[in-house]
Amino acid sequence: MTDRILISDLRFFAHHGLHPEEEALGQRFIVSLVLELDLSKAGTSDAMEDSVHYGEVVATTEAIVTQRRFKLIEALADAIAGTILERFPLVERITVRVEKPGAPIPIATGLVAVEIERGRA
């Protein structure tokens, strides 16, 4: 499949992490999604029902990131992927990238991120 909907650099403030300070203080998280699906029908019909409403995908992602708590960004990414596959049946495959720019690691700069791919069985 070569059709994709790309949603990049969604920025959220949330309270994920292993350390009590992360839960108490919170930090920024950046989420990017690649939804793989057949967009040929939407391309000819110009009808929303033949595609995936990316506003609804963003709202779903926001709810998971901001209303749930995870110790690991791996678990956060997996929850996003699983929920999107469940709620949007046209999506065949999804790639989720979660970046944690403020990860508590002892270096002056850098980025910690997780990227997962999930699909229908």
PDB file of N, CA and C in Angstrom:
ATOM      1  N   MET A   1       0.846  -1.168   0.000  1.00  0.00           N
ATOM      2  CA  MET A   1       0.000   0.000   0.000  1.00  0.00           C
ATOM      3  C   MET A   1       0.898   1.239   0.000  1.00  0.00           C
ATOM      4  N   THR A   2       0.563   2.203  -0.808  1.00  0.00           N
ATOM      5  CA  THR A   2       1.404   3.394  -0.898  1.00  0.00           C
ATOM      6  C   THR A   2       0.688   4.678  -0.505  1.00  0.00           C
ATOM      7  N   ASP A   3      -0.571   4.621  -0.148  1.00  0.00           N
ATOM      8  CA  ASP A   3      -1.303   5.823   0.234  1.00  0.00           C
ATOM      9  C   ASP A   3      -1.127   6.069   1.728  1.00  0.00           C
ATOM     10  N   ARG A   4      -0.909   7.337   2.072  1.00  0.00           N
ATOM     11  CA  ARG A   4      -0.673   7.671   3.476  1.00  0.00           C
ATOM     12  C   ARG A   4      -1.296   9.017   3.820  1.00  0.00           C
ATOM     13  N   ILE A   5      -1.754   9.125   5.041  1.00  0.00           N
ATOM     14  CA  ILE A   5      -2.104  10.407   5.637  1.00  0.00           C
ATOM     15  C   ILE A   5      -1.028  10.671   6.687  1.00  0.00           C
ATOM     16  N   LEU A   6      -0.372  11.821   6.586  1.00  0.00           N
ATOM     17  CA  LEU A   6       0.709  12.181   7.498  1.00  0.00           C
ATOM     18  C   LEU A   6       0.233  13.276   8.448  1.00  0.00           C
ATOM     19  N   ILE A   7       0.420  13.043   9.734  1.00  0.00           N
ATOM     20  CA  ILE A   7       0.084  14.023  10.765  1.00  0.00           C
ATOM     21  C   ILE A   7       1.343  14.173  11.613  1.00  0.00           C
ATOM     22  N   SER A   8       1.952  15.341  11.550  1.00  0.00           N
ATOM     23  CA  SER A   8       3.283  15.498  12.153  1.00  0.00           C
ATOM     24  C   SER A   8       3.328  16.560  13.237  1.00  0.00           C
ATOM     25  N   ASP A   9       4.200  16.310  14.194  1.00  0.00           N
ATOM     26  CA  ASP A   9       4.580  17.293  15.214  1.00  0.00           C
ATOM     27  C   ASP A   9       3.414  17.818  16.052  1.00  0.00           C
ATOM     28  N   LEU A  10       2.531  16.922  16.469  1.00  0.00           N
ATOM     29  CA  LEU A  10       1.484  17.303  17.418  1.00  0.00           C
ATOM     30  C   LEU A  10       2.149  17.472  18.780  1.00  0.00           C
ATOM     31  N   ARG A  11       1.935  18.610  19.408  1.00  0.00           N
ATOM     32  CA  ARG A  11       2.615  18.901  20.674  1.00  0.00           C
ATOM     33  C   ARG A  11       1.611  18.926  21.823  1.00  0.00           C
ATOM     34  N   PHE A  12       1.938  18.139  22.847  1.00  0.00           N
ATOM     35  CA  PHE A  12       1.053  18.009  23.995  1.00  0.00           C
ATOM     36  C   PHE A  12       1.856  18.175  25.276  1.00  0.00           C
ATOM     37  N   PHE A  13       1.197  18.659  26.311  1.00  0.00           N
ATOM     38  CA  PHE A  13       1.780  18.685  27.643  1.00  0.00           C
ATOM     39  C   PHE A  13       1.082  17.596  28.441  1.00  0.00           C
ATOM     40  N   ALA A  14       1.886  16.687  29.019  1.00  0.00           N
ATOM     41  CA  ALA A  14       1.299  15.548  29.741  1.00  0.00           C
ATOM     42  C   ALA A  14       2.234  15.115  30.864  1.00  0.00           C
ATOM     43  N   HIS A  15       1.834  14.067  31.578  1.00  0.00           N
ATOM     44  CA  HIS A  15       2.531  13.636  32.797  1.00  0.00           C
ATOM     45  C   HIS A  15       2.969  12.179  32.718  1.00  0.00           C
ATOM     46  N   HIS A  16       3.696  11.823  31.687  1.00  0.00           N
ATOM     47  CA  HIS A  16       4.180  10.455  31.517  1.00  0.00           C
ATOM     48  C   HIS A  16       5.630  10.358  31.975  1.00  0.00           C
ATOM     49  N   GLY A  17       5.997   9.186  32.478  1.00  0.00           N
ATOM     50  CA  GLY A  17       7.385   8.955  32.856  1.00  0.00           C
ATOM     51  C   GLY A  17       7.499   8.092  34.094  1.00  0.00           C
ATOM     52  N   LEU A  18       8.708   7.602  34.318  1.00  0.00           N
ATOM     53  CA  LEU A  18       8.977   6.732  35.464  1.00  0.00           C
ATOM     54  C   LEU A  18       9.127   7.480  36.777  1.00  0.00           C
ATOM     55  N   HIS A  19       9.617   8.692  36.708  1.00  0.00           N
ATOM     56  CA  HIS A  19       9.999   9.422  37.917  1.00  0.00           C
ATOM     57  C   HIS A  19       8.828  10.228  38.491  1.00  0.00           C
ATOM     58  N   PRO A  20       8.749  10.316  39.814  1.00  0.00           N
ATOM     59  CA  PRO A  20       7.672  11.091  40.438  1.00  0.00           C
ATOM     60  C   PRO A  20       7.630  12.547  39.964  1.00  0.00           C
ATOM     61  N   GLU A  21       8.809  13.130  39.683  1.00  0.00           N
ATOM     62  CA  GLU A  21       8.844  14.515  39.202  1.00  0.00           C
ATOM     63  C   GLU A  21       8.140  14.655  37.862  1.00  0.00           C
ATOM     64  N   GLU A  22       8.268  13.640  37.000  1.00  0.00           N
ATOM     65  CA  GLU A  22       7.615  13.690  35.694  1.00  0.00           C
ATOM     66  C   GLU A  22       6.096  13.667  35.853  1.00  0.00           C
ATOM     67  N   GLU A  23       5.635  12.880  36.817  1.00  0.00           N
ATOM     68  CA  GLU A  23       4.200  12.821  37.066  1.00  0.00           C
ATOM     69  C   GLU A  23       3.701  14.146  37.658  1.00  0.00           C
ATOM     70  N   ALA A  24       4.472  14.710  38.566  1.00  0.00           N
ATOM     71  CA  ALA A  24       4.049  15.938  39.240  1.00  0.00           C
ATOM     72  C   ALA A  24       4.162  17.163  38.332  1.00  0.00           C
ATOM     73  N   LEU A  25       5.271  17.295  37.629  1.00  0.00           N
ATOM     74  CA  LEU A  25       5.535  18.507  36.856  1.00  0.00           C
ATOM     75  C   LEU A  25       5.028  18.433  35.418  1.00  0.00           C
ATOM     76  N   GLY A  26       5.064  17.260  34.824  1.00  0.00           N
ATOM     77  CA  GLY A  26       4.690  17.108  33.424  1.00  0.00           C
ATOM     78  C   GLY A  26       5.765  17.638  32.495  1.00  0.00           C
ATOM     79  N   GLN A  27       5.562  17.429  31.200  1.00  0.00           N
ATOM     80  CA  GLN A  27       6.513  17.871  30.190  1.00  0.00           C
ATOM     81  C   GLN A  27       5.877  17.780  28.812  1.00  0.00           C
ATOM     82  N   ARG A  28       6.595  18.274  27.799  1.00  0.00           N
ATOM     83  CA  ARG A  28       6.099  18.231  26.429  1.00  0.00           C
ATOM     84  C   ARG A  28       6.356  16.862  25.807  1.00  0.00           C
ATOM     85  N   PHE A  29       5.432  16.472  24.954  1.00  0.00           N
ATOM     86  CA  PHE A  29       5.568  15.281  24.124  1.00  0.00           C
ATOM     87  C   PHE A  29       5.179  15.670  22.709  1.00  0.00           C
ATOM     88  N   ILE A  30       5.874  15.106  21.743  1.00  0.00           N
ATOM     89  CA  ILE A  30       5.593  15.388  20.334  1.00  0.00           C
ATOM     90  C   ILE A  30       5.216  14.073  19.671  1.00  0.00           C
ATOM     91  N   VAL A  31       4.073  14.060  18.999  1.00  0.00           N
ATOM     92  CA  VAL A  31       3.574  12.832  18.373  1.00  0.00           C
ATOM     93  C   VAL A  31       3.408  13.066  16.870  1.00  0.00           C
ATOM     94  N   SER A  32       3.880  12.106  16.092  1.00  0.00           N
ATOM     95  CA  SER A  32       3.683  12.108  14.638  1.00  0.00           C
ATOM     96  C   SER A  32       3.080  10.778  14.239  1.00  0.00           C
ATOM     97  N   LEU A  33       2.182  10.817  13.261  1.00  0.00           N
ATOM     98  CA  LEU A  33       1.468   9.620  12.814  1.00  0.00           C
ATOM     99  C   LEU A  33       1.564   9.484  11.304  1.00  0.00           C
ATOM    100  N   VAL A  34       1.683   8.255  10.854  1.00  0.00           N
ATOM    101  CA  VAL A  34       1.544   7.926   9.434  1.00  0.00           C
ATOM    102  C   VAL A  34       0.455   6.867   9.339  1.00  0.00           C
ATOM    103  N   LEU A  35      -0.660   7.224   8.711  1.00  0.00           N
ATOM    104  CA  LEU A  35      -1.766   6.286   8.532  1.00  0.00           C
ATOM    105  C   LEU A  35      -1.700   5.750   7.118  1.00  0.00           C
ATOM    106  N   GLU A  36      -1.662   4.439   6.976  1.00  0.00           N
ATOM    107  CA  GLU A  36      -1.641   3.815   5.659  1.00  0.00           C
ATOM    108  C   GLU A  36      -3.017   3.238   5.366  1.00  0.00           C
ATOM    109  N   LEU A  37      -3.563   3.630   4.216  1.00  0.00           N
ATOM    110  CA  LEU A  37      -4.875   3.169   3.801  1.00  0.00           C
ATOM    111  C   LEU A  37      -5.027   3.416   2.309  1.00  0.00           C
ATOM    112  N   ASP A  38      -6.017   2.812   1.738  1.00  0.00           N
ATOM    113  CA  ASP A  38      -6.295   2.997   0.314  1.00  0.00           C
ATOM    114  C   ASP A  38      -7.101   4.284   0.143  1.00  0.00           C
ATOM    115  N   LEU A  39      -6.498   5.279  -0.487  1.00  0.00           N
ATOM    116  CA  LEU A  39      -7.154   6.565  -0.697  1.00  0.00           C
ATOM    117  C   LEU A  39      -7.666   6.746  -2.119  1.00  0.00           C
ATOM    118  N   SER A  40      -7.638   5.681  -2.910  1.00  0.00           N
ATOM    119  CA  SER A  40      -8.048   5.818  -4.313  1.00  0.00           C
ATOM    120  C   SER A  40      -9.524   6.201  -4.445  1.00  0.00           C
ATOM    121  N   LYS A  41     -10.379   5.613  -3.638  1.00  0.00           N
ATOM    122  CA  LYS A  41     -11.803   5.940  -3.713  1.00  0.00           C
ATOM    123  C   LYS A  41     -12.040   7.392  -3.290  1.00  0.00           C
ATOM    124  N   ALA A  42     -11.389   7.831  -2.218  1.00  0.00           N
ATOM    125  CA  ALA A  42     -11.518   9.217  -1.771  1.00  0.00           C
ATOM    126  C   ALA A  42     -10.996  10.186  -2.826  1.00  0.00           C
ATOM    127  N   GLY A  43      -9.960   9.770  -3.528  1.00  0.00           N
ATOM    128  CA  GLY A  43      -9.394  10.621  -4.563  1.00  0.00           C
ATOM    129  C   GLY A  43     -10.335  10.873  -5.722  1.00  0.00           C
ATOM    130  N   THR A  44     -11.197   9.913  -6.003  1.00  0.00           N
ATOM    131  CA  THR A  44     -12.145  10.097  -7.113  1.00  0.00           C
ATOM    132  C   THR A  44     -13.512  10.587  -6.638  1.00  0.00           C
ATOM    133  N   SER A  45     -13.918  10.187  -5.436  1.00  0.00           N
ATOM    134  CA  SER A  45     -15.256  10.569  -4.952  1.00  0.00           C
ATOM    135  C   SER A  45     -15.277  11.958  -4.304  1.00  0.00           C
ATOM    136  N   ASP A  46     -14.122  12.368  -3.754  1.00  0.00           N
ATOM    137  CA  ASP A  46     -14.031  13.638  -3.018  1.00  0.00           C
ATOM    138  C   ASP A  46     -14.988  13.640  -1.826  1.00  0.00           C
ATOM    139  N   ALA A  47     -15.215  12.449  -1.244  1.00  0.00           N
ATOM    140  CA  ALA A  47     -16.152  12.297  -0.125  1.00  0.00           C
ATOM    141  C   ALA A  47     -15.406  11.883   1.142  1.00  0.00           C
ATOM    142  N   MET A  48     -15.717  12.561   2.247  1.00  0.00           N
ATOM    143  CA  MET A  48     -15.035  12.287   3.513  1.00  0.00           C
ATOM    144  C   MET A  48     -15.215  10.841   3.973  1.00  0.00           C
ATOM    145  N   GLU A  49     -16.363  10.251   3.713  1.00  0.00           N
ATOM    146  CA  GLU A  49     -16.595   8.874   4.177  1.00  0.00           C
ATOM    147  C   GLU A  49     -15.668   7.861   3.506  1.00  0.00           C
ATOM    148  N   ASP A  50     -14.984   8.264   2.450  1.00  0.00           N
ATOM    149  CA  ASP A  50     -14.045   7.372   1.771  1.00  0.00           C
ATOM    150  C   ASP A  50     -12.612   7.572   2.239  1.00  0.00           C
ATOM    151  N   SER A  51     -12.440   8.373   3.284  1.00  0.00           N
ATOM    152  CA  SER A  51     -11.121   8.623   3.840  1.00  0.00           C
ATOM    153  C   SER A  51     -11.217   8.581   5.360  1.00  0.00           C
ATOM    154  N   VAL A  52     -10.214   9.110   6.016  1.00  0.00           N
ATOM    155  CA  VAL A  52     -10.192   9.194   7.473  1.00  0.00           C
ATOM    156  C   VAL A  52     -10.110  10.669   7.841  1.00  0.00           C
ATOM    157  N   HIS A  53     -10.980  11.097   8.726  1.00  0.00           N
ATOM    158  CA  HIS A  53     -11.022  12.496   9.158  1.00  0.00           C
ATOM    159  C   HIS A  53      -9.836  12.738  10.100  1.00  0.00           C
ATOM    160  N   TYR A  54      -8.834  13.464   9.599  1.00  0.00           N
ATOM    161  CA  TYR A  54      -7.632  13.617  10.418  1.00  0.00           C
ATOM    162  C   TYR A  54      -7.880  14.477  11.653  1.00  0.00           C
ATOM    163  N   GLY A  55      -8.893  15.330  11.638  1.00  0.00           N
ATOM    164  CA  GLY A  55      -9.248  16.069  12.849  1.00  0.00           C
ATOM    165  C   GLY A  55      -9.695  15.137  13.962  1.00  0.00           C
ATOM    166  N   GLU A  56     -10.440  14.099  13.603  1.00  0.00           N
ATOM    167  CA  GLU A  56     -10.867  13.107  14.594  1.00  0.00           C
ATOM    168  C   GLU A  56      -9.688  12.260  15.074  1.00  0.00           C
ATOM    169  N   VAL A  57      -8.758  11.978  14.179  1.00  0.00           N
ATOM    170  CA  VAL A  57      -7.553  11.237  14.575  1.00  0.00           C
ATOM    171  C   VAL A  57      -6.744  12.063  15.575  1.00  0.00           C
ATOM    172  N   VAL A  58      -6.603  13.355  15.307  1.00  0.00           N
ATOM    173  CA  VAL A  58      -5.868  14.235  16.214  1.00  0.00           C
ATOM    174  C   VAL A  58      -6.574  14.310  17.568  1.00  0.00           C
ATOM    175  N   ALA A  59      -7.889  14.451  17.583  1.00  0.00           N
ATOM    176  CA  ALA A  59      -8.637  14.515  18.844  1.00  0.00           C
ATOM    177  C   ALA A  59      -8.484  13.214  19.642  1.00  0.00           C
ATOM    178  N   THR A  60      -8.511  12.088  18.947  1.00  0.00           N
ATOM    179  CA  THR A  60      -8.322  10.792  19.603  1.00  0.00           C
ATOM    180  C   THR A  60      -6.937  10.704  20.218  1.00  0.00           C
ATOM    181  N   THR A  61      -5.936  11.128  19.463  1.00  0.00           N
ATOM    182  CA  THR A  61      -4.554  11.109  19.954  1.00  0.00           C
ATOM    183  C   THR A  61      -4.406  12.022  21.163  1.00  0.00           C
ATOM    184  N   GLU A  62      -4.964  13.214  21.077  1.00  0.00           N
ATOM    185  CA  GLU A  62      -4.881  14.166  22.186  1.00  0.00           C
ATOM    186  C   GLU A  62      -5.492  13.582  23.463  1.00  0.00           C
ATOM    187  N   ALA A  63      -6.631  12.926  23.344  1.00  0.00           N
ATOM    188  CA  ALA A  63      -7.283  12.340  24.518  1.00  0.00           C
ATOM    189  C   ALA A  63      -6.395  11.280  25.167  1.00  0.00           C
ATOM    190  N   ILE A  64      -5.761  10.456  24.365  1.00  0.00           N
ATOM    191  CA  ILE A  64      -4.892   9.406  24.922  1.00  0.00           C
ATOM    192  C   ILE A  64      -3.685  10.034  25.609  1.00  0.00           C
ATOM    193  N   VAL A  65      -3.056  11.005  24.951  1.00  0.00           N
ATOM    194  CA  VAL A  65      -1.836  11.609  25.503  1.00  0.00           C
ATOM    195  C   VAL A  65      -2.124  12.403  26.772  1.00  0.00           C
ATOM    196  N   THR A  66      -3.222  13.125  26.794  1.00  0.00           N
ATOM    197  CA  THR A  66      -3.458  14.048  27.910  1.00  0.00           C
ATOM    198  C   THR A  66      -4.347  13.504  29.023  1.00  0.00           C
ATOM    199  N   GLN A  67      -5.119  12.448  28.757  1.00  0.00           N
ATOM    200  CA  GLN A  67      -6.052  11.960  29.768  1.00  0.00           C
ATOM    201  C   GLN A  67      -5.641  10.637  30.401  1.00  0.00           C
ATOM    202  N   ARG A  68      -4.621  10.006  29.863  1.00  0.00           N
ATOM    203  CA  ARG A  68      -4.129   8.759  30.444  1.00  0.00           C
ATOM    204  C   ARG A  68      -2.696   8.972  30.911  1.00  0.00           C
ATOM    205  N   ARG A  69      -2.194   8.070  31.729  1.00  0.00           N
ATOM    206  CA  ARG A  69      -0.827   8.185  32.235  1.00  0.00           C
ATOM    207  C   ARG A  69      -0.072   6.907  31.935  1.00  0.00           C
ATOM    208  N   PHE A  70       1.146   7.060  31.416  1.00  0.00           N
ATOM    209  CA  PHE A  70       2.012   5.933  31.081  1.00  0.00           C
ATOM    210  C   PHE A  70       3.392   6.164  31.674  1.00  0.00           C
ATOM    211  N   LYS A  71       4.014   5.095  32.128  1.00  0.00           N
ATOM    212  CA  LYS A  71       5.396   5.179  32.589  1.00  0.00           C
ATOM    213  C   LYS A  71       6.350   5.222  31.398  1.00  0.00           C
ATOM    214  N   LEU A  72       6.005   4.500  30.340  1.00  0.00           N
ATOM    215  CA  LEU A  72       6.891   4.386  29.179  1.00  0.00           C
ATOM    216  C   LEU A  72       6.249   5.003  27.944  1.00  0.00           C
ATOM    217  N   ILE A  73       7.056   5.705  27.150  1.00  0.00           N
ATOM    218  CA  ILE A  73       6.522   6.234  25.899  1.00  0.00           C
ATOM    219  C   ILE A  73       6.234   5.106  24.916  1.00  0.00           C
ATOM    220  N   GLU A  74       6.840   3.945  25.128  1.00  0.00           N
ATOM    221  CA  GLU A  74       6.515   2.777  24.318  1.00  0.00           C
ATOM    222  C   GLU A  74       5.048   2.388  24.500  1.00  0.00           C
ATOM    223  N   ALA A  75       4.586   2.419  25.748  1.00  0.00           N
ATOM    224  CA  ALA A  75       3.184   2.087  26.050  1.00  0.00           C
ATOM    225  C   ALA A  75       2.242   3.161  25.513  1.00  0.00           C
ATOM    226  N   LEU A  76       2.653   4.411  25.593  1.00  0.00           N
ATOM    227  CA  LEU A  76       1.859   5.505  25.043  1.00  0.00           C
ATOM    228  C   LEU A  76       1.691   5.333  23.530  1.00  0.00           C
ATOM    229  N   ALA A  77       2.781   5.065  22.827  1.00  0.00           N
ATOM    230  CA  ALA A  77       2.728   4.871  21.374  1.00  0.00           C
ATOM    231  C   ALA A  77       1.836   3.690  21.011  1.00  0.00           C
ATOM    232  N   ASP A  78       1.944   2.613  21.763  1.00  0.00           N
ATOM    233  CA  ASP A  78       1.132   1.424  21.488  1.00  0.00           C
ATOM    234  C   ASP A  78      -0.352   1.705  21.717  1.00  0.00           C
ATOM    235  N   ALA A  79      -0.672   2.460  22.749  1.00  0.00           N
ATOM    236  CA  ALA A  79      -2.074   2.808  23.014  1.00  0.00           C
ATOM    237  C   ALA A  79      -2.649   3.671  21.895  1.00  0.00           C
ATOM    238  N   ILE A  80      -1.860   4.602  21.399  1.00  0.00           N
ATOM    239  CA  ILE A  80      -2.316   5.445  20.291  1.00  0.00           C
ATOM    240  C   ILE A  80      -2.570   4.576  19.057  1.00  0.00           C
ATOM    241  N   ALA A  81      -1.608   3.724  18.719  1.00  0.00           N
ATOM    242  CA  ALA A  81      -1.751   2.872  17.532  1.00  0.00           C
ATOM    243  C   ALA A  81      -2.968   1.965  17.637  1.00  0.00           C
ATOM    244  N   GLY A  82      -3.122   1.294  18.761  1.00  0.00           N
ATOM    245  CA  GLY A  82      -4.234   0.371  18.933  1.00  0.00           C
ATOM    246  C   GLY A  82      -5.588   1.057  18.869  1.00  0.00           C
ATOM    247  N   THR A  83      -5.689   2.223  19.480  1.00  0.00           N
ATOM    248  CA  THR A  83      -6.959   2.948  19.485  1.00  0.00           C
ATOM    249  C   THR A  83      -7.313   3.445  18.085  1.00  0.00           C
ATOM    250  N   ILE A  84      -6.342   3.941  17.361  1.00  0.00           N
ATOM    251  CA  ILE A  84      -6.631   4.437  16.002  1.00  0.00           C
ATOM    252  C   ILE A  84      -7.044   3.282  15.091  1.00  0.00           C
ATOM    253  N   LEU A  85      -6.363   2.159  15.193  1.00  0.00           N
ATOM    254  CA  LEU A  85      -6.761   1.005  14.382  1.00  0.00           C
ATOM    255  C   LEU A  85      -8.173   0.544  14.751  1.00  0.00           C
ATOM    256  N   GLU A  86      -8.516   0.630  16.022  1.00  0.00           N
ATOM    257  CA  GLU A  86      -9.842   0.205  16.475  1.00  0.00           C
ATOM    258  C   GLU A  86     -10.938   1.172  16.012  1.00  0.00           C
ATOM    259  N   ARG A  87     -10.689   2.462  16.088  1.00  0.00           N
ATOM    260  CA  ARG A  87     -11.727   3.466  15.807  1.00  0.00           C
ATOM    261  C   ARG A  87     -11.850   3.864  14.342  1.00  0.00           C
ATOM    262  N   PHE A  88     -10.832   3.587  13.563  1.00  0.00           N
ATOM    263  CA  PHE A  88     -10.834   4.018  12.158  1.00  0.00           C
ATOM    264  C   PHE A  88     -10.569   2.802  11.269  1.00  0.00           C
ATOM    265  N   PRO A  89     -11.620   2.085  10.892  1.00  0.00           N
ATOM    266  CA  PRO A  89     -11.461   0.806  10.189  1.00  0.00           C
ATOM    267  C   PRO A  89     -10.800   0.900   8.815  1.00  0.00           C
ATOM    268  N   LEU A  90     -10.766   2.056   8.189  1.00  0.00           N
ATOM    269  CA  LEU A  90     -10.099   2.167   6.891  1.00  0.00           C
ATOM    270  C   LEU A  90      -8.572   2.145   7.013  1.00  0.00           C
ATOM    271  N   VAL A  91      -8.063   2.465   8.207  1.00  0.00           N
ATOM    272  CA  VAL A  91      -6.616   2.467   8.419  1.00  0.00           C
ATOM    273  C   VAL A  91      -6.127   1.025   8.486  1.00  0.00           C
ATOM    274  N   GLU A  92      -5.231   0.668   7.588  1.00  0.00           N
ATOM    275  CA  GLU A  92      -4.678  -0.692   7.548  1.00  0.00           C
ATOM    276  C   GLU A  92      -3.413  -0.818   8.384  1.00  0.00           C
ATOM    277  N   ARG A  93      -2.638   0.246   8.435  1.00  0.00           N
ATOM    278  CA  ARG A  93      -1.360   0.232   9.128  1.00  0.00           C
ATOM    279  C   ARG A  93      -1.101   1.625   9.681  1.00  0.00           C
ATOM    280  N   ILE A  94      -0.397   1.684  10.809  1.00  0.00           N
ATOM    281  CA  ILE A  94      -0.079   2.977  11.411  1.00  0.00           C
ATOM    282  C   ILE A  94       1.345   2.959  11.951  1.00  0.00           C
ATOM    283  N   THR A  95       2.018   4.066  11.780  1.00  0.00           N
ATOM    284  CA  THR A  95       3.309   4.297  12.424  1.00  0.00           C
ATOM    285  C   THR A  95       3.111   5.458  13.390  1.00  0.00           C
ATOM    286  N   VAL A  96       3.539   5.252  14.624  1.00  0.00           N
ATOM    287  CA  VAL A  96       3.420   6.270  15.666  1.00  0.00           C
ATOM    288  C   VAL A  96       4.820   6.578  16.184  1.00  0.00           C
ATOM    289  N   ARG A  97       5.150   7.867  16.189  1.00  0.00           N
ATOM    290  CA  ARG A  97       6.424   8.317  16.767  1.00  0.00           C
ATOM    291  C   ARG A  97       6.095   9.233  17.931  1.00  0.00           C
ATOM    292  N   VAL A  98       6.642   8.915  19.106  1.00  0.00           N
ATOM    293  CA  VAL A  98       6.477   9.750  20.298  1.00  0.00           C
ATOM    294  C   VAL A  98       7.857  10.254  20.694  1.00  0.00           C
ATOM    295  N   GLU A  99       8.005  11.573  20.726  1.00  0.00           N
ATOM    296  CA  GLU A  99       9.260  12.192  21.127  1.00  0.00           C
ATOM    297  C   GLU A  99       9.097  12.790  22.519  1.00  0.00           C
ATOM    298  N   LYS A 100      10.157  12.649  23.294  1.00  0.00           N
ATOM    299  CA  LYS A 100      10.167  13.178  24.662  1.00  0.00           C
ATOM    300  C   LYS A 100      11.393  14.090  24.789  1.00  0.00           C
ATOM    301  N   PRO A 101      11.257  15.349  24.351  1.00  0.00           N
ATOM    302  CA  PRO A 101      12.432  16.220  24.302  1.00  0.00           C
ATOM    303  C   PRO A 101      13.029  16.534  25.667  1.00  0.00           C
ATOM    304  N   GLY A 102      12.241  16.421  26.722  1.00  0.00           N
ATOM    305  CA  GLY A 102      12.755  16.731  28.056  1.00  0.00           C
ATOM    306  C   GLY A 102      13.073  15.507  28.880  1.00  0.00           C
ATOM    307  N   ALA A 103      13.419  14.406  28.223  1.00  0.00           N
ATOM    308  CA  ALA A 103      13.706  13.167  28.968  1.00  0.00           C
ATOM    309  C   ALA A 103      14.824  13.416  29.982  1.00  0.00           C
ATOM    310  N   PRO A 104      14.665  12.895  31.201  1.00  0.00           N
ATOM    311  CA  PRO A 104      15.661  13.135  32.251  1.00  0.00           C
ATOM    312  C   PRO A 104      16.907  12.266  32.057  1.00  0.00           C
ATOM    313  N   ILE A 105      17.737  12.691  31.119  1.00  0.00           N
ATOM    314  CA  ILE A 105      18.996  11.995  30.871  1.00  0.00           C
ATOM    315  C   ILE A 105      20.133  13.001  31.037  1.00  0.00           C
ATOM    316  N   PRO A 106      21.291  12.548  31.498  1.00  0.00           N
ATOM    317  CA  PRO A 106      22.359  13.491  31.871  1.00  0.00           C
ATOM    318  C   PRO A 106      23.216  13.973  30.691  1.00  0.00           C
ATOM    319  N   ILE A 107      22.581  14.595  29.703  1.00  0.00           N
ATOM    320  CA  ILE A 107      23.325  15.230  28.624  1.00  0.00           C
ATOM    321  C   ILE A 107      22.707  16.594  28.358  1.00  0.00           C
ATOM    322  N   ALA A 108      23.445  17.464  27.714  1.00  0.00           N
ATOM    323  CA  ALA A 108      22.980  18.828  27.506  1.00  0.00           C
ATOM    324  C   ALA A 108      21.973  18.952  26.374  1.00  0.00           C
ATOM    325  N   THR A 109      21.981  18.045  25.427  1.00  0.00           N
ATOM    326  CA  THR A 109      21.091  18.142  24.284  1.00  0.00           C
ATOM    327  C   THR A 109      20.762  16.745  23.787  1.00  0.00           C
ATOM    328  N   GLY A 110      19.818  16.655  22.915  1.00  0.00           N
ATOM    329  CA  GLY A 110      19.468  15.347  22.367  1.00  0.00           C
ATOM    330  C   GLY A 110      17.963  15.151  22.355  1.00  0.00           C
ATOM    331  N   LEU A 111      17.567  14.011  21.841  1.00  0.00           N
ATOM    332  CA  LEU A 111      16.150  13.686  21.724  1.00  0.00           C
ATOM    333  C   LEU A 111      15.975  12.204  21.991  1.00  0.00           C
ATOM    334  N   VAL A 112      14.969  11.888  22.775  1.00  0.00           N
ATOM    335  CA  VAL A 112      14.585  10.504  22.993  1.00  0.00           C
ATOM    336  C   VAL A 112      13.232  10.315  22.322  1.00  0.00           C
ATOM    337  N   ALA A 113      13.111   9.253  21.523  1.00  0.00           N
ATOM    338  CA  ALA A 113      11.859   8.996  20.816  1.00  0.00           C
ATOM    339  C   ALA A 113      11.664   7.489  20.669  1.00  0.00           C
ATOM    340  N   VAL A 114      10.410   7.129  20.473  1.00  0.00           N
ATOM    341  CA  VAL A 114      10.025   5.746  20.160  1.00  0.00           C
ATOM    342  C   VAL A 114       9.192   5.803  18.910  1.00  0.00           C
ATOM    343  N   GLU A 115       9.421   4.858  17.991  1.00  0.00           N
ATOM    344  CA  GLU A 115       8.605   4.758  16.799  1.00  0.00           C
ATOM    345  C   GLU A 115       8.173   3.312  16.639  1.00  0.00           C
ATOM    346  N   ILE A 116       6.863   3.107  16.524  1.00  0.00           N
ATOM    347  CA  ILE A 116       6.324   1.759  16.373  1.00  0.00           C
ATOM    348  C   ILE A 116       5.461   1.688  15.131  1.00  0.00           C
ATOM    349  N   GLU A 117       5.308   0.496  14.599  1.00  0.00           N
ATOM    350  CA  GLU A 117       4.401   0.237  13.475  1.00  0.00           C
ATOM    351  C   GLU A 117       3.459  -0.876  13.888  1.00  0.00           C
ATOM    352  N   ARG A 118       2.187  -0.674  13.606  1.00  0.00           N
ATOM    353  CA  ARG A 118       1.176  -1.683  13.892  1.00  0.00           C
ATOM    354  C   ARG A 118       0.242  -1.782  12.694  1.00  0.00           C
ATOM    355  N   GLY A 119      -0.342  -2.962  12.513  1.00  0.00           N
ATOM    356  CA  GLY A 119      -1.278  -3.150  11.420  1.00  0.00           C
ATOM    357  C   GLY A 119      -2.342  -4.148  11.792  1.00  0.00           C
ATOM    358  N   ARG A 120      -3.270  -4.306  10.916  1.00  0.00           N
ATOM    359  CA  ARG A 120      -4.329  -5.284  11.138  1.00  0.00           C
ATOM    360  C   ARG A 120      -3.783  -6.689  10.903  1.00  0.00           C
ATOM    361  N   ALA A 121      -4.320  -7.636  11.629  1.00  0.00           N
ATOM    362  CA  ALA A 121      -3.845  -9.022  11.534  1.00  0.00           C
ATOM    363  C   ALA A 121      -4.214  -9.638  10.203  1.00  0.00           C
TER     364      ALA A 121
END
